[in-house]
mmCIF file of all heavy atoms, coordinates in Angstrom:
data_MODEL
# 
_entry.id   MODEL 
# 
loop_
_atom_site.group_PDB 
_atom_site.id 
_atom_site.type_symbol 
_atom_site.label_atom_id 
_atom_site.label_alt_id 
_atom_site.label_comp_id 
_atom_site.label_asym_id 
_atom_site.label_entity_id 
_atom_site.label_seq_id 
_atom_site.pdbx_PDB_ins_code 
_atom_site.Cartn_x 
_atom_site.Cartn_y 
_atom_site.Cartn_z 
_atom_site.occupancy 
_atom_site.B_iso_or_equiv 
_atom_site.pdbx_formal_charge 
_atom_site.auth_seq_id 
_atom_site.auth_comp_id 
_atom_site.auth_asym_id 
_atom_site.auth_atom_id 
_atom_site.pdbx_PDB_model_num 
ATOM 1   N N   . LEU A 1 1  ? -30.622 201.215 112.557 1.00 0.00 ? 1  LEU A N   1 
ATOM 2   C CA  . LEU A 1 1  ? -29.298 201.838 112.570 1.00 0.00 ? 1  LEU A CA  1 
ATOM 3   C C   . LEU A 1 1  ? -28.973 202.490 111.236 1.00 0.00 ? 1  LEU A C   1 
ATOM 4   O O   . LEU A 1 1  ? -29.362 201.990 110.166 1.00 0.00 ? 1  LEU A O   1 
ATOM 5   C CB  . LEU A 1 1  ? -28.241 200.803 112.927 1.00 0.00 ? 1  LEU A CB  1 
ATOM 6   C CG  . LEU A 1 1  ? -28.183 200.470 114.425 1.00 0.00 ? 1  LEU A CG  1 
ATOM 7   C CD1 . LEU A 1 1  ? -27.470 199.146 114.664 1.00 0.00 ? 1  LEU A CD1 1 
ATOM 8   C CD2 . LEU A 1 1  ? -27.500 201.599 115.188 1.00 0.00 ? 1  LEU A CD2 1 
ATOM 9   N N   . LYS A 1 2  ? -28.255 203.605 111.341 1.00 0.00 ? 2  LYS A N   1 
ATOM 10  C CA  . LYS A 1 2  ? -27.870 204.393 110.174 1.00 0.00 ? 2  LYS A CA  1 
ATOM 11  C C   . LYS A 1 2  ? -26.348 204.488 110.115 1.00 0.00 ? 2  LYS A C   1 
ATOM 12  O O   . LYS A 1 2  ? -25.672 204.359 111.142 1.00 0.00 ? 2  LYS A O   1 
ATOM 13  C CB  . LYS A 1 2  ? -28.450 205.803 110.280 1.00 0.00 ? 2  LYS A CB  1 
ATOM 14  C CG  . LYS A 1 2  ? -29.955 205.862 110.467 1.00 0.00 ? 2  LYS A CG  1 
ATOM 15  C CD  . LYS A 1 2  ? -30.407 207.293 110.688 1.00 0.00 ? 2  LYS A CD  1 
ATOM 16  C CE  . LYS A 1 2  ? -31.910 207.376 110.907 1.00 0.00 ? 2  LYS A CE  1 
ATOM 17  N NZ  . LYS A 1 2  ? -32.361 208.782 111.118 1.00 0.00 ? 2  LYS A NZ  1 
ATOM 18  N N   . PRO A 1 3  ? -25.799 204.749 108.935 1.00 0.00 ? 3  PRO A N   1 
ATOM 19  C CA  . PRO A 1 3  ? -24.338 204.900 108.847 1.00 0.00 ? 3  PRO A CA  1 
ATOM 20  C C   . PRO A 1 3  ? -23.800 205.971 109.795 1.00 0.00 ? 3  PRO A C   1 
ATOM 21  O O   . PRO A 1 3  ? -22.685 205.818 110.314 1.00 0.00 ? 3  PRO A O   1 
ATOM 22  C CB  . PRO A 1 3  ? -24.124 205.286 107.378 1.00 0.00 ? 3  PRO A CB  1 
ATOM 23  C CG  . PRO A 1 3  ? -25.263 204.643 106.663 1.00 0.00 ? 3  PRO A CG  1 
ATOM 24  C CD  . PRO A 1 3  ? -26.432 204.755 107.613 1.00 0.00 ? 3  PRO A CD  1 
ATOM 25  N N   . GLU A 1 4  ? -24.568 207.000 110.045 1.00 0.00 ? 4  GLU A N   1 
ATOM 26  C CA  . GLU A 1 4  ? -24.113 208.056 110.952 1.00 0.00 ? 4  GLU A CA  1 
ATOM 27  C C   . GLU A 1 4  ? -24.095 207.631 112.421 1.00 0.00 ? 4  GLU A C   1 
ATOM 28  O O   . GLU A 1 4  ? -23.632 208.390 113.272 1.00 0.00 ? 4  GLU A O   1 
ATOM 29  C CB  . GLU A 1 4  ? -24.953 209.330 110.787 1.00 0.00 ? 4  GLU A CB  1 
ATOM 30  C CG  . GLU A 1 4  ? -26.452 209.111 110.855 1.00 0.00 ? 4  GLU A CG  1 
ATOM 31  C CD  . GLU A 1 4  ? -27.088 208.977 109.484 1.00 0.00 ? 4  GLU A CD  1 
ATOM 32  O OE1 . GLU A 1 4  ? -26.507 208.282 108.602 1.00 0.00 ? 4  GLU A OE1 1 
ATOM 33  O OE2 . GLU A 1 4  ? -28.182 209.562 109.289 1.00 0.00 ? 4  GLU A OE2 1 
ATOM 34  N N   . ASP A 1 5  ? -24.587 206.444 112.716 1.00 0.00 ? 5  ASP A N   1 
ATOM 35  C CA  . ASP A 1 5  ? -24.473 205.903 114.078 1.00 0.00 ? 5  ASP A CA  1 
ATOM 36  C C   . ASP A 1 5  ? -23.122 205.239 114.304 1.00 0.00 ? 5  ASP A C   1 
ATOM 37  O O   . ASP A 1 5  ? -22.812 204.824 115.427 1.00 0.00 ? 5  ASP A O   1 
ATOM 38  C CB  . ASP A 1 5  ? -25.584 204.871 114.333 1.00 0.00 ? 5  ASP A CB  1 
ATOM 39  C CG  . ASP A 1 5  ? -26.966 205.481 114.324 1.00 0.00 ? 5  ASP A CG  1 
ATOM 40  O OD1 . ASP A 1 5  ? -27.135 206.580 114.898 1.00 0.00 ? 5  ASP A OD1 1 
ATOM 41  O OD2 . ASP A 1 5  ? -27.890 204.855 113.757 1.00 0.00 ? 5  ASP A OD2 1 
ATOM 42  N N   . THR A 1 6  ? -22.333 205.135 113.269 1.00 0.00 ? 6  THR A N   1 
ATOM 43  C CA  . THR A 1 6  ? -21.002 204.535 113.391 1.00 0.00 ? 6  THR A CA  1 
ATOM 44  C C   . THR A 1 6  ? -20.144 205.333 114.357 1.00 0.00 ? 6  THR A C   1 
ATOM 45  O O   . THR A 1 6  ? -19.983 206.551 114.207 1.00 0.00 ? 6  THR A O   1 
ATOM 46  C CB  . THR A 1 6  ? -20.319 204.469 112.010 1.00 0.00 ? 6  THR A CB  1 
ATOM 47  O OG1 . THR A 1 6  ? -21.061 203.593 111.162 1.00 0.00 ? 6  THR A OG1 1 
ATOM 48  C CG2 . THR A 1 6  ? -18.885 203.970 112.137 1.00 0.00 ? 6  THR A CG2 1 
ATOM 49  N N   . ALA A 1 7  ? -19.618 204.655 115.354 1.00 0.00 ? 7  ALA A N   1 
ATOM 50  C CA  . ALA A 1 7  ? -18.819 205.316 116.398 1.00 0.00 ? 7  ALA A CA  1 
ATOM 51  C C   . ALA A 1 7  ? -18.327 204.273 117.391 1.00 0.00 ? 7  ALA A C   1 
ATOM 52  O O   . ALA A 1 7  ? -18.767 203.116 117.354 1.00 0.00 ? 7  ALA A O   1 
ATOM 53  C CB  . ALA A 1 7  ? -19.659 206.356 117.134 1.00 0.00 ? 7  ALA A CB  1 
ATOM 54  N N   . VAL A 1 8  ? -17.444 204.713 118.263 1.00 0.00 ? 8  VAL A N   1 
ATOM 55  C CA  . VAL A 1 8  ? -17.110 203.923 119.447 1.00 0.00 ? 8  VAL A CA  1 
ATOM 56  C C   . VAL A 1 8  ? -18.089 204.341 120.546 1.00 0.00 ? 8  VAL A C   1 
ATOM 57  O O   . VAL A 1 8  ? -18.243 205.536 120.813 1.00 0.00 ? 8  VAL A O   1 
ATOM 58  C CB  . VAL A 1 8  ? -15.663 204.148 119.898 1.00 0.00 ? 8  VAL A CB  1 
ATOM 59  C CG1 . VAL A 1 8  ? -15.378 203.344 121.165 1.00 0.00 ? 8  VAL A CG1 1 
ATOM 60  C CG2 . VAL A 1 8  ? -14.694 203.760 118.793 1.00 0.00 ? 8  VAL A CG2 1 
ATOM 61  N N   . TYR A 1 9  ? -18.751 203.373 121.125 1.00 0.00 ? 9  TYR A N   1 
ATOM 62  C CA  . TYR A 1 9  ? -19.753 203.628 122.154 1.00 0.00 ? 9  TYR A CA  1 
ATOM 63  C C   . TYR A 1 9  ? -19.155 203.313 123.528 1.00 0.00 ? 9  TYR A C   1 
ATOM 64  O O   . TYR A 1 9  ? -18.558 202.252 123.728 1.00 0.00 ? 9  TYR A O   1 
ATOM 65  C CB  . TYR A 1 9  ? -20.993 202.774 121.909 1.00 0.00 ? 9  TYR A CB  1 
ATOM 66  C CG  . TYR A 1 9  ? -21.846 203.311 120.780 1.00 0.00 ? 9  TYR A CG  1 
ATOM 67  C CD1 . TYR A 1 9  ? -21.416 203.219 119.461 1.00 0.00 ? 9  TYR A CD1 1 
ATOM 68  C CD2 . TYR A 1 9  ? -23.072 203.926 121.031 1.00 0.00 ? 9  TYR A CD2 1 
ATOM 69  C CE1 . TYR A 1 9  ? -22.176 203.738 118.414 1.00 0.00 ? 9  TYR A CE1 1 
ATOM 70  C CE2 . TYR A 1 9  ? -23.856 204.437 119.994 1.00 0.00 ? 9  TYR A CE2 1 
ATOM 71  C CZ  . TYR A 1 9  ? -23.384 204.333 118.698 1.00 0.00 ? 9  TYR A CZ  1 
ATOM 72  O OH  . TYR A 1 9  ? -24.146 204.848 117.671 1.00 0.00 ? 9  TYR A OH  1 
ATOM 73  N N   . TYR A 1 10 ? -19.338 204.251 124.445 1.00 0.00 ? 10 TYR A N   1 
ATOM 74  C CA  . TYR A 1 10 ? -18.805 204.130 125.800 1.00 0.00 ? 10 TYR A CA  1 
ATOM 75  C C   . TYR A 1 10 ? -19.946 204.196 126.815 1.00 0.00 ? 10 TYR A C   1 
ATOM 76  O O   . TYR A 1 10 ? -20.835 205.036 126.689 1.00 0.00 ? 10 TYR A O   1 
ATOM 77  C CB  . TYR A 1 10 ? -17.850 205.283 126.106 1.00 0.00 ? 10 TYR A CB  1 
ATOM 78  C CG  . TYR A 1 10 ? -16.641 205.370 125.215 1.00 0.00 ? 10 TYR A CG  1 
ATOM 79  C CD1 . TYR A 1 10 ? -16.680 206.108 124.034 1.00 0.00 ? 10 TYR A CD1 1 
ATOM 80  C CD2 . TYR A 1 10 ? -15.445 204.745 125.566 1.00 0.00 ? 10 TYR A CD2 1 
ATOM 81  C CE1 . TYR A 1 10 ? -15.565 206.208 123.214 1.00 0.00 ? 10 TYR A CE1 1 
ATOM 82  C CE2 . TYR A 1 10 ? -14.320 204.849 124.754 1.00 0.00 ? 10 TYR A CE2 1 
ATOM 83  C CZ  . TYR A 1 10 ? -14.394 205.578 123.582 1.00 0.00 ? 10 TYR A CZ  1 
ATOM 84  O OH  . TYR A 1 10 ? -13.292 205.674 122.779 1.00 0.00 ? 10 TYR A OH  1 
ATOM 85  N N   . CYS A 1 11 ? -19.883 203.355 127.822 1.00 0.00 ? 11 CYS A N   1 
ATOM 86  C CA  . CYS A 1 11 ? -20.820 203.521 128.928 1.00 0.00 ? 11 CYS A CA  1 
ATOM 87  C C   . CYS A 1 11 ? -20.148 204.361 130.005 1.00 0.00 ? 11 CYS A C   1 
ATOM 88  O O   . CYS A 1 11 ? -18.925 204.355 130.156 1.00 0.00 ? 11 CYS A O   1 
ATOM 89  C CB  . CYS A 1 11 ? -21.300 202.187 129.475 1.00 0.00 ? 11 CYS A CB  1 
ATOM 90  S SG  . CYS A 1 11 ? -20.032 201.117 130.159 1.00 0.00 ? 11 CYS A SG  1 
ATOM 91  N N   . ASN A 1 12 ? -20.980 205.075 130.715 1.00 0.00 ? 12 ASN A N   1 
ATOM 92  C CA  . ASN A 1 12 ? -20.512 205.939 131.804 1.00 0.00 ? 12 ASN A CA  1 
ATOM 93  C C   . ASN A 1 12 ? -21.466 205.795 132.966 1.00 0.00 ? 12 ASN A C   1 
ATOM 94  O O   . ASN A 1 12 ? -22.678 205.953 132.808 1.00 0.00 ? 12 ASN A O   1 
ATOM 95  C CB  . ASN A 1 12 ? -20.456 207.389 131.340 1.00 0.00 ? 12 ASN A CB  1 
ATOM 96  C CG  . ASN A 1 12 ? -20.143 208.345 132.469 1.00 0.00 ? 12 ASN A CG  1 
ATOM 97  O OD1 . ASN A 1 12 ? -21.040 208.833 133.148 1.00 0.00 ? 12 ASN A OD1 1 
ATOM 98  N ND2 . ASN A 1 12 ? -18.874 208.593 132.680 1.00 0.00 ? 12 ASN A ND2 1 
ATOM 99  N N   . PHE A 1 13 ? -20.912 205.471 134.117 1.00 0.00 ? 13 PHE A N   1 
ATOM 100 C CA  . PHE A 1 13 ? -21.717 205.379 135.324 1.00 0.00 ? 13 PHE A CA  1 
ATOM 101 C C   . PHE A 1 13 ? -21.298 206.519 136.258 1.00 0.00 ? 13 PHE A C   1 
ATOM 102 O O   . PHE A 1 13 ? -20.133 206.607 136.633 1.00 0.00 ? 13 PHE A O   1 
ATOM 103 C CB  . PHE A 1 13 ? -21.482 204.054 136.042 1.00 0.00 ? 13 PHE A CB  1 
ATOM 104 C CG  . PHE A 1 13 ? -22.136 202.864 135.385 1.00 0.00 ? 13 PHE A CG  1 
ATOM 105 C CD1 . PHE A 1 13 ? -22.609 202.912 134.084 1.00 0.00 ? 13 PHE A CD1 1 
ATOM 106 C CD2 . PHE A 1 13 ? -22.270 201.679 136.089 1.00 0.00 ? 13 PHE A CD2 1 
ATOM 107 C CE1 . PHE A 1 13 ? -23.196 201.814 133.478 1.00 0.00 ? 13 PHE A CE1 1 
ATOM 108 C CE2 . PHE A 1 13 ? -22.865 200.567 135.501 1.00 0.00 ? 13 PHE A CE2 1 
ATOM 109 C CZ  . PHE A 1 13 ? -23.326 200.635 134.198 1.00 0.00 ? 13 PHE A CZ  1 
ATOM 110 N N   . ASP A 1 14 ? -22.235 207.370 136.602 1.00 0.00 ? 14 ASP A N   1 
ATOM 111 C CA  . ASP A 1 14 ? -21.997 208.400 137.617 1.00 0.00 ? 14 ASP A CA  1 
ATOM 112 C C   . ASP A 1 14 ? -22.646 207.906 138.896 1.00 0.00 ? 14 ASP A C   1 
ATOM 113 O O   . ASP A 1 14 ? -23.877 207.867 138.998 1.00 0.00 ? 14 ASP A O   1 
ATOM 114 C CB  . ASP A 1 14 ? -22.593 209.723 137.162 1.00 0.00 ? 14 ASP A CB  1 
ATOM 115 C CG  . ASP A 1 14 ? -22.289 210.841 138.137 1.00 0.00 ? 14 ASP A CG  1 
ATOM 116 O OD1 . ASP A 1 14 ? -22.390 210.622 139.369 1.00 0.00 ? 14 ASP A OD1 1 
ATOM 117 O OD2 . ASP A 1 14 ? -21.960 211.936 137.687 1.00 0.00 ? 14 ASP A OD2 1 
ATOM 118 N N   . LEU A 1 15 ? -21.804 207.508 139.847 1.00 0.00 ? 15 LEU A N   1 
ATOM 119 C CA  . LEU A 1 15 ? -22.300 206.909 141.083 1.00 0.00 ? 15 LEU A CA  1 
ATOM 120 C C   . LEU A 1 15 ? -22.031 207.874 142.228 1.00 0.00 ? 15 LEU A C   1 
ATOM 121 O O   . LEU A 1 15 ? -20.890 207.977 142.687 1.00 0.00 ? 15 LEU A O   1 
ATOM 122 C CB  . LEU A 1 15 ? -21.638 205.556 141.322 1.00 0.00 ? 15 LEU A CB  1 
ATOM 123 C CG  . LEU A 1 15 ? -21.713 204.555 140.154 1.00 0.00 ? 15 LEU A CG  1 
ATOM 124 C CD1 . LEU A 1 15 ? -20.950 203.276 140.496 1.00 0.00 ? 15 LEU A CD1 1 
ATOM 125 C CD2 . LEU A 1 15 ? -23.141 204.249 139.794 1.00 0.00 ? 15 LEU A CD2 1 
ATOM 126 N N   . GLY A 1 16 ? -23.050 208.575 142.632 1.00 0.00 ? 16 GLY A N   1 
ATOM 127 C CA  . GLY A 1 16 ? -22.895 209.517 143.730 1.00 0.00 ? 16 GLY A CA  1 
ATOM 128 C C   . GLY A 1 16 ? -21.856 210.585 143.457 1.00 0.00 ? 16 GLY A C   1 
ATOM 129 O O   . GLY A 1 16 ? -21.179 211.051 144.374 1.00 0.00 ? 16 GLY A O   1 
ATOM 130 N N   . GLY A 1 17 ? -21.719 210.973 142.194 1.00 0.00 ? 17 GLY A N   1 
ATOM 131 C CA  . GLY A 1 17 ? -20.774 212.023 141.840 1.00 0.00 ? 17 GLY A CA  1 
ATOM 132 C C   . GLY A 1 17 ? -19.438 211.528 141.338 1.00 0.00 ? 17 GLY A C   1 
ATOM 133 O O   . GLY A 1 17 ? -18.630 212.320 140.833 1.00 0.00 ? 17 GLY A O   1 
ATOM 134 N N   . ARG A 1 18 ? -19.181 210.247 141.440 1.00 0.00 ? 18 ARG A N   1 
ATOM 135 C CA  . ARG A 1 18 ? -17.938 209.679 140.910 1.00 0.00 ? 18 ARG A CA  1 
ATOM 136 C C   . ARG A 1 18 ? -18.255 209.014 139.574 1.00 0.00 ? 18 ARG A C   1 
ATOM 137 O O   . ARG A 1 18 ? -19.188 208.215 139.474 1.00 0.00 ? 18 ARG A O   1 
ATOM 138 C CB  . ARG A 1 18 ? -17.342 208.651 141.879 1.00 0.00 ? 18 ARG A CB  1 
ATOM 139 C CG  . ARG A 1 18 ? -16.910 209.255 143.203 1.00 0.00 ? 18 ARG A CG  1 
ATOM 140 C CD  . ARG A 1 18 ? -16.061 208.281 143.989 1.00 0.00 ? 18 ARG A CD  1 
ATOM 141 N NE  . ARG A 1 18 ? -14.802 207.995 143.306 1.00 0.00 ? 18 ARG A NE  1 
ATOM 142 C CZ  . ARG A 1 18 ? -13.870 207.169 143.791 1.00 0.00 ? 18 ARG A CZ  1 
ATOM 143 N NH1 . ARG A 1 18 ? -14.073 206.553 144.942 1.00 0.00 ? 18 ARG A NH1 1 
ATOM 144 N NH2 . ARG A 1 18 ? -12.765 206.946 143.124 1.00 0.00 ? 18 ARG A NH2 1 
ATOM 145 N N   . GLY A 1 19 ? -17.446 209.369 138.576 1.00 0.00 ? 19 GLY A N   1 
ATOM 146 C CA  . GLY A 1 19 ? -17.709 208.858 137.238 1.00 0.00 ? 19 GLY A CA  1 
ATOM 147 C C   . GLY A 1 19 ? -16.773 207.740 136.843 1.00 0.00 ? 19 GLY A C   1 
ATOM 148 O O   . GLY A 1 19 ? -15.588 207.754 137.175 1.00 0.00 ? 19 GLY A O   1 
ATOM 149 N N   . TYR A 1 20 ? -17.307 206.785 136.129 1.00 0.00 ? 20 TYR A N   1 
ATOM 150 C CA  . TYR A 1 20 ? -16.535 205.639 135.645 1.00 0.00 ? 20 TYR A CA  1 
ATOM 151 C C   . TYR A 1 20 ? -16.871 205.421 134.178 1.00 0.00 ? 20 TYR A C   1 
ATOM 152 O O   . TYR A 1 20 ? -18.029 205.567 133.757 1.00 0.00 ? 20 TYR A O   1 
ATOM 153 C CB  . TYR A 1 20 ? -16.885 204.382 136.442 1.00 0.00 ? 20 TYR A CB  1 
ATOM 154 C CG  . TYR A 1 20 ? -16.653 204.516 137.921 1.00 0.00 ? 20 TYR A CG  1 
ATOM 155 C CD1 . TYR A 1 20 ? -17.663 204.974 138.771 1.00 0.00 ? 20 TYR A CD1 1 
ATOM 156 C CD2 . TYR A 1 20 ? -15.413 204.214 138.483 1.00 0.00 ? 20 TYR A CD2 1 
ATOM 157 C CE1 . TYR A 1 20 ? -17.450 205.112 140.122 1.00 0.00 ? 20 TYR A CE1 1 
ATOM 158 C CE2 . TYR A 1 20 ? -15.196 204.349 139.853 1.00 0.00 ? 20 TYR A CE2 1 
ATOM 159 C CZ  . TYR A 1 20 ? -16.223 204.802 140.657 1.00 0.00 ? 20 TYR A CZ  1 
ATOM 160 O OH  . TYR A 1 20 ? -16.008 204.943 142.001 1.00 0.00 ? 20 TYR A OH  1 
ATOM 161 N N   . TRP A 1 21 ? -15.843 205.045 133.411 1.00 0.00 ? 21 TRP A N   1 
ATOM 162 C CA  . TRP A 1 21 ? -16.012 204.826 131.977 1.00 0.00 ? 21 TRP A CA  1 
ATOM 163 C C   . TRP A 1 21 ? -15.671 203.392 131.602 1.00 0.00 ? 21 TRP A C   1 
ATOM 164 O O   . TRP A 1 21 ? -14.747 202.804 132.171 1.00 0.00 ? 21 TRP A O   1 
ATOM 165 C CB  . TRP A 1 21 ? -15.092 205.754 131.181 1.00 0.00 ? 21 TRP A CB  1 
ATOM 166 C CG  . TRP A 1 21 ? -15.509 207.185 131.197 1.00 0.00 ? 21 TRP A CG  1 
ATOM 167 C CD1 . TRP A 1 21 ? -15.078 208.150 132.051 1.00 0.00 ? 21 TRP A CD1 1 
ATOM 168 C CD2 . TRP A 1 21 ? -16.427 207.826 130.304 1.00 0.00 ? 21 TRP A CD2 1 
ATOM 169 N NE1 . TRP A 1 21 ? -15.683 209.349 131.752 1.00 0.00 ? 21 TRP A NE1 1 
ATOM 170 C CE2 . TRP A 1 21 ? -16.513 209.184 130.679 1.00 0.00 ? 21 TRP A CE2 1 
ATOM 171 C CE3 . TRP A 1 21 ? -17.186 207.381 129.213 1.00 0.00 ? 21 TRP A CE3 1 
ATOM 172 C CZ2 . TRP A 1 21 ? -17.325 210.101 130.013 1.00 0.00 ? 21 TRP A CZ2 1 
ATOM 173 C CZ3 . TRP A 1 21 ? -17.994 208.293 128.550 1.00 0.00 ? 21 TRP A CZ3 1 
ATOM 174 C CH2 . TRP A 1 21 ? -18.060 209.641 128.955 1.00 0.00 ? 21 TRP A CH2 1 
ATOM 175 N N   . GLY A 1 22 ? -16.392 202.884 130.617 1.00 0.00 ? 22 GLY A N   1 
ATOM 176 C CA  . GLY A 1 22 ? -16.020 201.632 130.009 1.00 0.00 ? 22 GLY A CA  1 
ATOM 177 C C   . GLY A 1 22 ? -14.929 201.849 128.981 1.00 0.00 ? 22 GLY A C   1 
ATOM 178 O O   . GLY A 1 22 ? -14.545 202.986 128.686 1.00 0.00 ? 22 GLY A O   1 
ATOM 179 N N   . GLN A 1 23 ? -14.441 200.738 128.405 1.00 0.00 ? 23 GLN A N   1 
ATOM 180 C CA  . GLN A 1 23 ? -13.315 200.817 127.485 1.00 0.00 ? 23 GLN A CA  1 
ATOM 181 C C   . GLN A 1 23 ? -13.744 201.163 126.061 1.00 0.00 ? 23 GLN A C   1 
ATOM 182 O O   . GLN A 1 23 ? -12.904 201.497 125.230 1.00 0.00 ? 23 GLN A O   1 
ATOM 183 C CB  . GLN A 1 23 ? -12.556 199.480 127.467 1.00 0.00 ? 23 GLN A CB  1 
ATOM 184 C CG  . GLN A 1 23 ? -13.181 198.378 126.615 1.00 0.00 ? 23 GLN A CG  1 
ATOM 185 C CD  . GLN A 1 23 ? -14.395 197.718 127.260 1.00 0.00 ? 23 GLN A CD  1 
ATOM 186 O OE1 . GLN A 1 23 ? -14.811 198.073 128.358 1.00 0.00 ? 23 GLN A OE1 1 
ATOM 187 N NE2 . GLN A 1 23 ? -14.967 196.736 126.565 1.00 0.00 ? 23 GLN A NE2 1 
ATOM 188 N N   . GLY A 1 24 ? -15.027 201.093 125.792 1.00 0.00 ? 24 GLY A N   1 
ATOM 189 C CA  . GLY A 1 24 ? -15.549 201.406 124.468 1.00 0.00 ? 24 GLY A CA  1 
ATOM 190 C C   . GLY A 1 24 ? -15.760 200.165 123.631 1.00 0.00 ? 24 GLY A C   1 
ATOM 191 O O   . GLY A 1 24 ? -15.021 199.181 123.751 1.00 0.00 ? 24 GLY A O   1 
ATOM 192 N N   . THR A 1 25 ? -16.779 200.206 122.785 1.00 0.00 ? 25 THR A N   1 
ATOM 193 C CA  . THR A 1 25 ? -17.050 199.112 121.863 1.00 0.00 ? 25 THR A CA  1 
ATOM 194 C C   . THR A 1 25 ? -17.434 199.717 120.515 1.00 0.00 ? 25 THR A C   1 
ATOM 195 O O   . THR A 1 25 ? -18.210 200.677 120.444 1.00 0.00 ? 25 THR A O   1 
ATOM 196 C CB  . THR A 1 25 ? -18.156 198.175 122.405 1.00 0.00 ? 25 THR A CB  1 
ATOM 197 O OG1 . THR A 1 25 ? -18.302 197.053 121.542 1.00 0.00 ? 25 THR A OG1 1 
ATOM 198 C CG2 . THR A 1 25 ? -19.497 198.884 122.548 1.00 0.00 ? 25 THR A CG2 1 
ATOM 199 N N   . GLN A 1 26 ? -16.863 199.172 119.453 1.00 0.00 ? 26 GLN A N   1 
ATOM 200 C CA  . GLN A 1 26 ? -17.036 199.745 118.118 1.00 0.00 ? 26 GLN A CA  1 
ATOM 201 C C   . GLN A 1 26 ? -18.337 199.279 117.485 1.00 0.00 ? 26 GLN A C   1 
ATOM 202 O O   . GLN A 1 26 ? -18.612 198.077 117.425 1.00 0.00 ? 26 GLN A O   1 
ATOM 203 C CB  . GLN A 1 26 ? -15.871 199.340 117.216 1.00 0.00 ? 26 GLN A CB  1 
ATOM 204 C CG  . GLN A 1 26 ? -15.976 199.831 115.770 1.00 0.00 ? 26 GLN A CG  1 
ATOM 205 C CD  . GLN A 1 26 ? -15.800 201.326 115.644 1.00 0.00 ? 26 GLN A CD  1 
ATOM 206 O OE1 . GLN A 1 26 ? -14.881 201.906 116.207 1.00 0.00 ? 26 GLN A OE1 1 
ATOM 207 N NE2 . GLN A 1 26 ? -16.685 201.972 114.876 1.00 0.00 ? 26 GLN A NE2 1 
ATOM 208 N N   . VAL A 1 27 ? -19.099 200.243 117.005 1.00 0.00 ? 27 VAL A N   1 
ATOM 209 C CA  . VAL A 1 27 ? -20.297 199.964 116.205 1.00 0.00 ? 27 VAL A CA  1 
ATOM 210 C C   . VAL A 1 27 ? -20.077 200.564 114.822 1.00 0.00 ? 27 VAL A C   1 
ATOM 211 O O   . VAL A 1 27 ? -19.801 201.756 114.690 1.00 0.00 ? 27 VAL A O   1 
ATOM 212 C CB  . VAL A 1 27 ? -21.560 200.572 116.848 1.00 0.00 ? 27 VAL A CB  1 
ATOM 213 C CG1 . VAL A 1 27 ? -22.752 200.438 115.904 1.00 0.00 ? 27 VAL A CG1 1 
ATOM 214 C CG2 . VAL A 1 27 ? -21.847 199.906 118.180 1.00 0.00 ? 27 VAL A CG2 1 
ATOM 215 N N   . THR A 1 28 ? -20.175 199.728 113.813 1.00 0.00 ? 28 THR A N   1 
ATOM 216 C CA  . THR A 1 28 ? -20.010 200.180 112.436 1.00 0.00 ? 28 THR A CA  1 
ATOM 217 C C   . THR A 1 28 ? -21.265 199.810 111.657 1.00 0.00 ? 28 THR A C   1 
ATOM 218 O O   . THR A 1 28 ? -21.660 198.647 111.631 1.00 0.00 ? 28 THR A O   1 
ATOM 219 C CB  . THR A 1 28 ? -18.780 199.539 111.781 1.00 0.00 ? 28 THR A CB  1 
ATOM 220 O OG1 . THR A 1 28 ? -17.613 199.861 112.549 1.00 0.00 ? 28 THR A OG1 1 
ATOM 221 C CG2 . THR A 1 28 ? -18.598 200.050 110.356 1.00 0.00 ? 28 THR A CG2 1 
ATOM 222 N N   . VAL A 1 29 ? -21.872 200.817 111.057 1.00 0.00 ? 29 VAL A N   1 
ATOM 223 C CA  . VAL A 1 29 ? -23.083 200.601 110.266 1.00 0.00 ? 29 VAL A CA  1 
ATOM 224 C C   . VAL A 1 29 ? -22.727 200.862 108.803 1.00 0.00 ? 29 VAL A C   1 
ATOM 225 O O   . VAL A 1 29 ? -22.458 201.989 108.399 1.00 0.00 ? 29 VAL A O   1 
ATOM 226 C CB  . VAL A 1 29 ? -24.224 201.526 110.711 1.00 0.00 ? 29 VAL A CB  1 
ATOM 227 C CG1 . VAL A 1 29 ? -25.498 201.202 109.925 1.00 0.00 ? 29 VAL A CG1 1 
ATOM 228 C CG2 . VAL A 1 29 ? -24.459 201.408 112.203 1.00 0.00 ? 29 VAL A CG2 1 
# 
């Protein structure tokens, strides 16, 4: 991991054309 990887990370599931998002999780390097 690098400092430039610091961000809020979100998962996204596209299920048959319908998209869903997670709430996000913070990664700090």
